[in-house]
PDB file of N, CA and C in Angstrom:
ATOM      1  N   MET A   1    -174.595 -21.563 -26.581  1.00  0.00           N
ATOM      2  CA  MET A   1    -174.351 -20.920 -27.852  1.00  0.00           C
ATOM      3  C   MET A   1    -175.452 -19.898 -28.114  1.00  0.00           C
ATOM      4  N   ASN A   2    -175.056 -18.718 -28.516  1.00  0.00           N
ATOM      5  CA  ASN A   2    -175.970 -17.642 -28.816  1.00  0.00           C
ATOM      6  C   ASN A   2    -176.772 -17.973 -30.072  1.00  0.00           C
ATOM      7  N   THR A   3    -178.101 -17.977 -29.961  1.00  0.00           N
ATOM      8  CA  THR A   3    -178.931 -18.341 -31.105  1.00  0.00           C
ATOM      9  C   THR A   3    -178.944 -17.256 -32.178  1.00  0.00           C
ATOM     10  N   ARG A   4    -178.441 -16.068 -31.869  1.00  0.00           N
ATOM     11  CA  ARG A   4    -178.383 -14.994 -32.855  1.00  0.00           C
ATOM     12  C   ARG A   4    -177.016 -14.911 -33.540  1.00  0.00           C
ATOM     13  N   GLU A   5    -176.092 -15.727 -33.087  1.00  0.00           N
ATOM     14  CA  GLU A   5    -174.751 -15.685 -33.663  1.00  0.00           C
ATOM     15  C   GLU A   5    -174.784 -16.148 -35.119  1.00  0.00           C
ATOM     16  N   LEU A   6    -173.935 -15.529 -35.939  1.00  0.00           N
ATOM     17  CA  LEU A   6    -173.849 -15.882 -37.351  1.00  0.00           C
ATOM     18  C   LEU A   6    -172.615 -16.728 -37.606  1.00  0.00           C
ATOM     19  N   PHE A   7    -172.751 -17.662 -38.552  1.00  0.00           N
ATOM     20  CA  PHE A   7    -171.672 -18.579 -38.895  1.00  0.00           C
ATOM     21  C   PHE A   7    -171.345 -18.453 -40.375  1.00  0.00           C
ATOM     22  N   VAL A   8    -170.093 -18.755 -40.706  1.00  0.00           N
ATOM     23  CA  VAL A   8    -169.641 -18.807 -42.093  1.00  0.00           C
ATOM     24  C   VAL A   8    -168.964 -20.148 -42.315  1.00  0.00           C
ATOM     25  N   ARG A   9    -168.928 -20.572 -43.560  1.00  0.00           N
ATOM     26  CA  ARG A   9    -168.247 -21.817 -43.886  1.00  0.00           C
ATOM     27  C   ARG A   9    -166.778 -21.503 -44.130  1.00  0.00           C
ATOM     28  N   ALA A  10    -165.906 -22.338 -43.588  1.00  0.00           N
ATOM     29  CA  ALA A  10    -164.475 -22.084 -43.708  1.00  0.00           C
ATOM     30  C   ALA A  10    -163.723 -23.376 -43.966  1.00  0.00           C
ATOM     31  N   GLU A  11    -162.585 -23.237 -44.666  1.00  0.00           N
ATOM     32  CA  GLU A  11    -161.670 -24.359 -44.792  1.00  0.00           C
ATOM     33  C   GLU A  11    -160.637 -24.215 -43.684  1.00  0.00           C
ATOM     34  N   LEU A  12    -160.389 -25.318 -42.992  1.00  0.00           N
ATOM     35  CA  LEU A  12    -159.433 -25.324 -41.887  1.00  0.00           C
ATOM     36  C   LEU A  12    -158.372 -26.376 -42.172  1.00  0.00           C
ATOM     37  N   THR A  13    -157.125 -26.065 -41.841  1.00  0.00           N
ATOM     38  CA  THR A  13    -156.032 -27.014 -42.028  1.00  0.00           C
ATOM     39  C   THR A  13    -155.247 -27.138 -40.731  1.00  0.00           C
ATOM     40  N   ARG A  14    -154.625 -28.307 -40.555  1.00  0.00           N
ATOM     41  CA  ARG A  14    -153.819 -28.555 -39.354  1.00  0.00           C
ATOM     42  C   ARG A  14    -152.789 -29.627 -39.680  1.00  0.00           C
ATOM     43  N   ALA A  15    -151.544 -29.367 -39.312  1.00  0.00           N
ATOM     44  CA  ALA A  15    -150.485 -30.359 -39.514  1.00  0.00           C
ATOM     45  C   ALA A  15    -150.665 -31.511 -38.531  1.00  0.00           C
ATOM     46  N   GLN A  16    -150.464 -32.746 -39.030  1.00  0.00           N
ATOM     47  CA  GLN A  16    -150.570 -33.919 -38.162  1.00  0.00           C
ATOM     48  C   GLN A  16    -149.822 -35.084 -38.799  1.00  0.00           C
ATOM     49  N   ASP A  17    -148.955 -35.706 -38.025  1.00  0.00           N
ATOM     50  CA  ASP A  17    -148.233 -36.917 -38.447  1.00  0.00           C
ATOM     51  C   ASP A  17    -147.543 -36.757 -39.809  1.00  0.00           C
ATOM     52  N   GLY A  18    -146.893 -35.639 -40.032  1.00  0.00           N
ATOM     53  CA  GLY A  18    -146.165 -35.423 -41.269  1.00  0.00           C
ATOM     54  C   GLY A  18    -147.031 -35.053 -42.461  1.00  0.00           C
ATOM     55  N   GLY A  19    -148.321 -34.899 -42.262  1.00  0.00           N
ATOM     56  CA  GLY A  19    -149.238 -34.516 -43.333  1.00  0.00           C
ATOM     57  C   GLY A  19    -150.072 -33.321 -42.924  1.00  0.00           C
ATOM     58  N   ILE A  20    -151.104 -33.062 -43.682  1.00  0.00           N
ATOM     59  CA  ILE A  20    -151.998 -31.939 -43.379  1.00  0.00           C
ATOM     60  C   ILE A  20    -153.436 -32.436 -43.394  1.00  0.00           C
ATOM     61  N   ASN A  21    -154.147 -32.193 -42.309  1.00  0.00           N
ATOM     62  CA  ASN A  21    -155.585 -32.465 -42.247  1.00  0.00           C
ATOM     63  C   ASN A  21    -156.311 -31.251 -42.808  1.00  0.00           C
ATOM     64  N   ARG A  22    -157.319 -31.496 -43.618  1.00  0.00           N
ATOM     65  CA  ARG A  22    -158.162 -30.421 -44.150  1.00  0.00           C
ATOM     66  C   ARG A  22    -159.612 -30.762 -43.845  1.00  0.00           C
ATOM     67  N   MET A  23    -160.363 -29.727 -43.515  1.00  0.00           N
ATOM     68  CA  MET A  23    -161.802 -29.924 -43.347  1.00  0.00           C
ATOM     69  C   MET A  23    -162.515 -28.616 -43.595  1.00  0.00           C
ATOM     70  N   GLN A  24    -163.796 -28.727 -43.865  1.00  0.00           N
ATOM     71  CA  GLN A  24    -164.649 -27.553 -43.972  1.00  0.00           C
ATOM     72  C   GLN A  24    -165.623 -27.610 -42.818  1.00  0.00           C
ATOM     73  N   SER A  25    -165.873 -26.448 -42.240  1.00  0.00           N
ATOM     74  CA  SER A  25    -166.752 -26.396 -41.083  1.00  0.00           C
ATOM     75  C   SER A  25    -167.433 -25.038 -41.018  1.00  0.00           C
ATOM     76  N   TRP A  26    -168.577 -25.008 -40.346  1.00  0.00           N
ATOM     77  CA  TRP A  26    -169.248 -23.744 -40.056  1.00  0.00           C
ATOM     78  C   TRP A  26    -168.655 -23.218 -38.757  1.00  0.00           C
ATOM     79  N   ILE A  27    -168.072 -22.021 -38.808  1.00  0.00           N
ATOM     80  CA  ILE A  27    -167.457 -21.433 -37.618  1.00  0.00           C
ATOM     81  C   ILE A  27    -168.079 -20.060 -37.371  1.00  0.00           C
ATOM     82  N   PRO A  28    -168.032 -19.573 -36.124  1.00  0.00           N
ATOM     83  CA  PRO A  28    -168.605 -18.257 -35.836  1.00  0.00           C
ATOM     84  C   PRO A  28    -167.932 -17.163 -36.664  1.00  0.00           C
ATOM     85  N   GLN A  29    -168.736 -16.277 -37.219  1.00  0.00           N
ATOM     86  CA  GLN A  29    -168.214 -15.199 -38.054  1.00  0.00           C
ATOM     87  C   GLN A  29    -167.210 -14.339 -37.286  1.00  0.00           C
ATOM     88  N   ARG A  30    -167.402 -14.174 -35.974  1.00  0.00           N
ATOM     89  CA  ARG A  30    -166.541 -13.297 -35.183  1.00  0.00           C
ATOM     90  C   ARG A  30    -165.099 -13.789 -35.114  1.00  0.00           C
ATOM     91  N   ILE A  31    -164.851 -15.081 -35.391  1.00  0.00           N
ATOM     92  CA  ILE A  31    -163.469 -15.596 -35.356  1.00  0.00           C
ATOM     93  C   ILE A  31    -162.955 -15.961 -36.742  1.00  0.00           C
ATOM     94  N   ALA A  32    -163.766 -15.735 -37.774  1.00  0.00           N
ATOM     95  CA  ALA A  32    -163.439 -16.186 -39.131  1.00  0.00           C
ATOM     96  C   ALA A  32    -162.509 -15.196 -39.834  1.00  0.00           C
ATOM     97  N   VAL A  33    -161.235 -15.255 -39.485  1.00  0.00           N
ATOM     98  CA  VAL A  33    -160.221 -14.392 -40.089  1.00  0.00           C
ATOM     99  C   VAL A  33    -159.203 -15.293 -40.784  1.00  0.00           C
ATOM    100  N   VAL A  34    -159.061 -15.134 -42.101  1.00  0.00           N
ATOM    101  CA  VAL A  34    -158.125 -15.960 -42.855  1.00  0.00           C
ATOM    102  C   VAL A  34    -156.728 -15.825 -42.255  1.00  0.00           C
ATOM    103  N   GLY A  35    -156.096 -16.973 -42.005  1.00  0.00           N
ATOM    104  CA  GLY A  35    -154.761 -17.009 -41.413  1.00  0.00           C
ATOM    105  C   GLY A  35    -154.756 -17.156 -39.906  1.00  0.00           C
ATOM    106  N   ALA A  36    -155.892 -16.928 -39.273  1.00  0.00           N
ATOM    107  CA  ALA A  36    -155.972 -17.070 -37.812  1.00  0.00           C
ATOM    108  C   ALA A  36    -155.900 -18.545 -37.428  1.00  0.00           C
ATOM    109  N   VAL A  37    -155.368 -18.820 -36.247  1.00  0.00           N
ATOM    110  CA  VAL A  37    -155.305 -20.182 -35.715  1.00  0.00           C
ATOM    111  C   VAL A  37    -156.365 -20.281 -34.622  1.00  0.00           C
ATOM    112  N   VAL A  38    -157.237 -21.292 -34.741  1.00  0.00           N
ATOM    113  CA  VAL A  38    -158.353 -21.441 -33.811  1.00  0.00           C
ATOM    114  C   VAL A  38    -158.382 -22.855 -33.232  1.00  0.00           C
ATOM    115  N   ASP A  39    -159.046 -22.990 -32.107  1.00  0.00           N
ATOM    116  CA  ASP A  39    -159.319 -24.283 -31.487  1.00  0.00           C
ATOM    117  C   ASP A  39    -160.804 -24.560 -31.673  1.00  0.00           C
ATOM    118  N   LEU A  40    -161.147 -25.799 -31.993  1.00  0.00           N
ATOM    119  CA  LEU A  40    -162.535 -26.167 -32.248  1.00  0.00           C
ATOM    120  C   LEU A  40    -163.006 -27.213 -31.257  1.00  0.00           C
ATOM    121  N   LYS A  41    -164.244 -27.058 -30.801  1.00  0.00           N
ATOM    122  CA  LYS A  41    -164.848 -28.030 -29.888  1.00  0.00           C
ATOM    123  C   LYS A  41    -165.879 -28.845 -30.658  1.00  0.00           C
ATOM    124  N   ASP A  42    -165.763 -30.166 -30.575  1.00  0.00           N
ATOM    125  CA  ASP A  42    -166.705 -31.065 -31.227  1.00  0.00           C
ATOM    126  C   ASP A  42    -167.995 -31.081 -30.422  1.00  0.00           C
ATOM    127  N   ASP A  43    -169.112 -30.705 -31.052  1.00  0.00           N
ATOM    128  CA  ASP A  43    -170.402 -30.667 -30.354  1.00  0.00           C
ATOM    129  C   ASP A  43    -170.838 -32.042 -29.861  1.00  0.00           C
ATOM    130  N   GLU A  44    -170.454 -33.093 -30.574  1.00  0.00           N
ATOM    131  CA  GLU A  44    -170.888 -34.436 -30.208  1.00  0.00           C
ATOM    132  C   GLU A  44    -170.075 -35.021 -29.060  1.00  0.00           C
ATOM    133  N   THR A  45    -168.744 -34.833 -29.088  1.00  0.00           N
ATOM    134  CA  THR A  45    -167.888 -35.452 -28.068  1.00  0.00           C
ATOM    135  C   THR A  45    -167.482 -34.484 -26.965  1.00  0.00           C
ATOM    136  N   GLY A  46    -167.559 -33.187 -27.248  1.00  0.00           N
ATOM    137  CA  GLY A  46    -167.134 -32.196 -26.268  1.00  0.00           C
ATOM    138  C   GLY A  46    -165.622 -32.016 -26.202  1.00  0.00           C
ATOM    139  N   GLN A  47    -164.879 -32.719 -27.059  1.00  0.00           N
ATOM    140  CA  GLN A  47    -163.419 -32.632 -27.055  1.00  0.00           C
ATOM    141  C   GLN A  47    -162.947 -31.491 -27.948  1.00  0.00           C
ATOM    142  N   TRP A  48    -161.828 -30.886 -27.544  1.00  0.00           N
ATOM    143  CA  TRP A  48    -161.224 -29.799 -28.307  1.00  0.00           C
ATOM    144  C   TRP A  48    -160.136 -30.340 -29.221  1.00  0.00           C
ATOM    145  N   THR A  49    -160.058 -29.785 -30.421  1.00  0.00           N
ATOM    146  CA  THR A  49    -158.912 -30.008 -31.292  1.00  0.00           C
ATOM    147  C   THR A  49    -158.272 -28.649 -31.497  1.00  0.00           C
ATOM    148  N   ARG A  50    -156.981 -28.609 -31.316  1.00  0.00           N
ATOM    149  CA  ARG A  50    -156.269 -27.332 -31.293  1.00  0.00           C
ATOM    150  C   ARG A  50    -155.411 -27.134 -32.538  1.00  0.00           C
ATOM    151  N   GLY A  51    -155.201 -25.871 -32.875  1.00  0.00           N
ATOM    152  CA  GLY A  51    -154.249 -25.529 -33.923  1.00  0.00           C
ATOM    153  C   GLY A  51    -154.761 -25.559 -35.347  1.00  0.00           C
ATOM    154  N   TRP A  52    -156.035 -25.287 -35.585  1.00  0.00           N
ATOM    155  CA  TRP A  52    -156.578 -25.228 -36.940  1.00  0.00           C
ATOM    156  C   TRP A  52    -156.344 -23.841 -37.525  1.00  0.00           C
ATOM    157  N   THR A  53    -155.797 -23.773 -38.731  1.00  0.00           N
ATOM    158  CA  THR A  53    -155.569 -22.505 -39.417  1.00  0.00           C
ATOM    159  C   THR A  53    -156.689 -22.281 -40.432  1.00  0.00           C
ATOM    160  N   ILE A  54    -157.273 -21.104 -40.418  1.00  0.00           N
ATOM    161  CA  ILE A  54    -158.361 -20.781 -41.336  1.00  0.00           C
ATOM    162  C   ILE A  54    -157.762 -20.437 -42.699  1.00  0.00           C
ATOM    163  N   GLY A  55    -158.134 -21.232 -43.717  1.00  0.00           N
ATOM    164  CA  GLY A  55    -157.601 -21.050 -45.062  1.00  0.00           C
ATOM    165  C   GLY A  55    -158.439 -20.118 -45.921  1.00  0.00           C
ATOM    166  N   TRP A  56    -159.750 -20.286 -45.883  1.00  0.00           N
ATOM    167  CA  TRP A  56    -160.648 -19.399 -46.600  1.00  0.00           C
ATOM    168  C   TRP A  56    -162.003 -19.379 -45.907  1.00  0.00           C
ATOM    169  N   VAL A  57    -162.788 -18.371 -46.203  1.00  0.00           N
ATOM    170  CA  VAL A  57    -164.102 -18.182 -45.590  1.00  0.00           C
ATOM    171  C   VAL A  57    -165.083 -17.817 -46.694  1.00  0.00           C
ATOM    172  N   THR A  58    -166.290 -18.375 -46.627  1.00  0.00           N
ATOM    173  CA  THR A  58    -167.320 -18.040 -47.615  1.00  0.00           C
ATOM    174  C   THR A  58    -168.453 -17.261 -46.963  1.00  0.00           C
ATOM    175  N   PHE A  59    -169.140 -16.515 -47.763  1.00  0.00           N
ATOM    176  CA  PHE A  59    -170.324 -15.787 -47.329  1.00  0.00           C
ATOM    177  C   PHE A  59    -171.430 -16.163 -48.291  1.00  0.00           C
ATOM    178  N   PRO A  60    -172.685 -16.076 -48.008  1.00  0.00           N
ATOM    179  CA  PRO A  60    -173.273 -15.358 -46.891  1.00  0.00           C
ATOM    180  C   PRO A  60    -173.201 -16.136 -45.581  1.00  0.00           C
ATOM    181  N   THR A  61    -173.589 -15.473 -44.536  1.00  0.00           N
ATOM    182  CA  THR A  61    -173.608 -16.086 -43.209  1.00  0.00           C
ATOM    183  C   THR A  61    -174.878 -16.910 -43.045  1.00  0.00           C
ATOM    184  N   ILE A  62    -174.889 -17.726 -41.986  1.00  0.00           N
ATOM    185  CA  ILE A  62    -176.067 -18.513 -41.642  1.00  0.00           C
ATOM    186  C   ILE A  62    -176.262 -18.395 -40.124  1.00  0.00           C
ATOM    187  N   ALA A  63    -177.508 -18.278 -39.710  1.00  0.00           N
ATOM    188  CA  ALA A  63    -177.820 -18.147 -38.285  1.00  0.00           C
ATOM    189  C   ALA A  63    -177.691 -19.502 -37.586  1.00  0.00           C
ATOM    190  N   THR A  64    -177.436 -19.470 -36.285  1.00  0.00           N
ATOM    191  CA  THR A  64    -177.260 -20.681 -35.478  1.00  0.00           C
ATOM    192  C   THR A  64    -178.435 -21.641 -35.659  1.00  0.00           C
ATOM    193  N   ARG A  65    -179.634 -21.125 -35.573  1.00  0.00           N
ATOM    194  CA  ARG A  65    -180.835 -21.961 -35.688  1.00  0.00           C
ATOM    195  C   ARG A  65    -180.853 -22.707 -37.018  1.00  0.00           C
ATOM    196  N   ASP A  66    -180.579 -21.999 -38.107  1.00  0.00           N
ATOM    197  CA  ASP A  66    -180.600 -22.621 -39.430  1.00  0.00           C
ATOM    198  C   ASP A  66    -179.457 -23.618 -39.600  1.00  0.00           C
ATOM    199  N   MET A  67    -178.280 -23.283 -39.064  1.00  0.00           N
ATOM    200  CA  MET A  67    -177.137 -24.174 -39.164  1.00  0.00           C
ATOM    201  C   MET A  67    -177.428 -25.503 -38.454  1.00  0.00           C
ATOM    202  N   ARG A  68    -178.007 -25.424 -37.271  1.00  0.00           N
ATOM    203  CA  ARG A  68    -178.333 -26.653 -36.527  1.00  0.00           C
ATOM    204  C   ARG A  68    -179.370 -27.491 -37.274  1.00  0.00           C
ATOM    205  N   LYS A  69    -180.359 -26.844 -37.889  1.00  0.00           N
ATOM    206  CA  LYS A  69    -181.366 -27.572 -38.652  1.00  0.00           C
ATOM    207  C   LYS A  69    -180.717 -28.311 -39.820  1.00  0.00           C
ATOM    208  N   HIS A  70    -179.853 -27.626 -40.564  1.00  0.00           N
ATOM    209  CA  HIS A  70    -179.178 -28.259 -41.702  1.00  0.00           C
ATOM    210  C   HIS A  70    -178.290 -29.411 -41.232  1.00  0.00           C
ATOM    211  N   SER A  71    -177.648 -29.238 -40.094  1.00  0.00           N
ATOM    212  CA  SER A  71    -176.780 -30.286 -39.554  1.00  0.00           C
ATOM    213  C   SER A  71    -177.603 -31.522 -39.186  1.00  0.00           C
ATOM    214  N   ARG A  72    -178.743 -31.320 -38.540  1.00  0.00           N
ATOM    215  CA  ARG A  72    -179.610 -32.452 -38.189  1.00  0.00           C
ATOM    216  C   ARG A  72    -180.113 -33.154 -39.444  1.00  0.00           C
ATOM    217  N   ASP A  73    -180.512 -32.368 -40.450  1.00  0.00           N
ATOM    218  CA  ASP A  73    -180.989 -32.963 -41.702  1.00  0.00           C
ATOM    219  C   ASP A  73    -179.899 -33.807 -42.352  1.00  0.00           C
ATOM    220  N   HIS A  74    -178.672 -33.297 -42.337  1.00  0.00           N
ATOM    221  CA  HIS A  74    -177.548 -34.033 -42.932  1.00  0.00           C
ATOM    222  C   HIS A  74    -177.305 -35.345 -42.175  1.00  0.00           C
ATOM    223  N   LEU A  75    -177.343 -35.303 -40.840  1.00  0.00           N
ATOM    224  CA  LEU A  75    -177.137 -36.523 -40.057  1.00  0.00           C
ATOM    225  C   LEU A  75    -178.221 -37.560 -40.330  1.00  0.00           C
ATOM    226  N   LYS A  76    -179.472 -37.112 -40.442  1.00  0.00           N
ATOM    227  CA  LYS A  76    -180.571 -38.037 -40.738  1.00  0.00           C
ATOM    228  C   LYS A  76    -180.363 -38.686 -42.106  1.00  0.00           C
ATOM    229  N   MET A  77    -179.955 -37.888 -43.085  1.00  0.00           N
ATOM    230  CA  MET A  77    -179.726 -38.416 -44.431  1.00  0.00           C
ATOM    231  C   MET A  77    -178.588 -39.436 -44.410  1.00  0.00           C
ATOM    232  N   ARG A  78    -177.506 -39.128 -43.704  1.00  0.00           N
ATOM    233  CA  ARG A  78    -176.355 -40.038 -43.636  1.00  0.00           C
ATOM    234  C   ARG A  78    -176.735 -41.350 -42.936  1.00  0.00           C
ATOM    235  N   LYS A  79    -177.500 -41.264 -41.853  1.00  0.00           N
ATOM    236  CA  LYS A  79    -177.919 -42.473 -41.151  1.00  0.00           C
ATOM    237  C   LYS A  79    -178.781 -43.348 -42.043  1.00  0.00           C
ATOM    238  N   ALA A  80    -179.590 -42.719 -42.879  1.00  0.00           N
ATOM    239  CA  ALA A  80    -180.471 -43.480 -43.779  1.00  0.00           C
ATOM    240  C   ALA A  80    -179.704 -44.084 -44.951  1.00  0.00           C
ATOM    241  N   SER A  81    -178.624 -43.429 -45.384  1.00  0.00           N
ATOM    242  CA  SER A  81    -177.941 -43.906 -46.581  1.00  0.00           C
ATOM    243  C   SER A  81    -176.683 -44.741 -46.277  1.00  0.00           C
ATOM    244  N   ASP A  82    -176.074 -44.580 -45.133  1.00  0.00           N
ATOM    245  CA  ASP A  82    -174.858 -45.335 -44.786  1.00  0.00           C
ATOM    246  C   ASP A  82    -175.228 -46.667 -44.168  1.00  0.00           C
ATOM    247  N   ILE A  83    -174.892 -47.719 -44.838  1.00  0.00           N
ATOM    248  CA  ILE A  83    -175.232 -49.055 -44.329  1.00  0.00           C
ATOM    249  C   ILE A  83    -173.970 -49.762 -43.922  1.00  0.00           C
TER     250      ILE A  83
END
């Protein structure tokens, strides 16, 4: 992953089992086009999930380095608080 790449927060939706999955995720700005369908790779498992539609995108952007730091901080907080 390019450490200079910029990310934006986006809402993603995907049909599954007669319903709709929704999630928010940081995605690369270069693919963040509302209405586009994207495939996402889970950094932890390495597995791809296909067919996510971008519903909305927020700005400002965040750099890869900062995004990873915030993600690590969030995981540490969750591990400490989830019993």
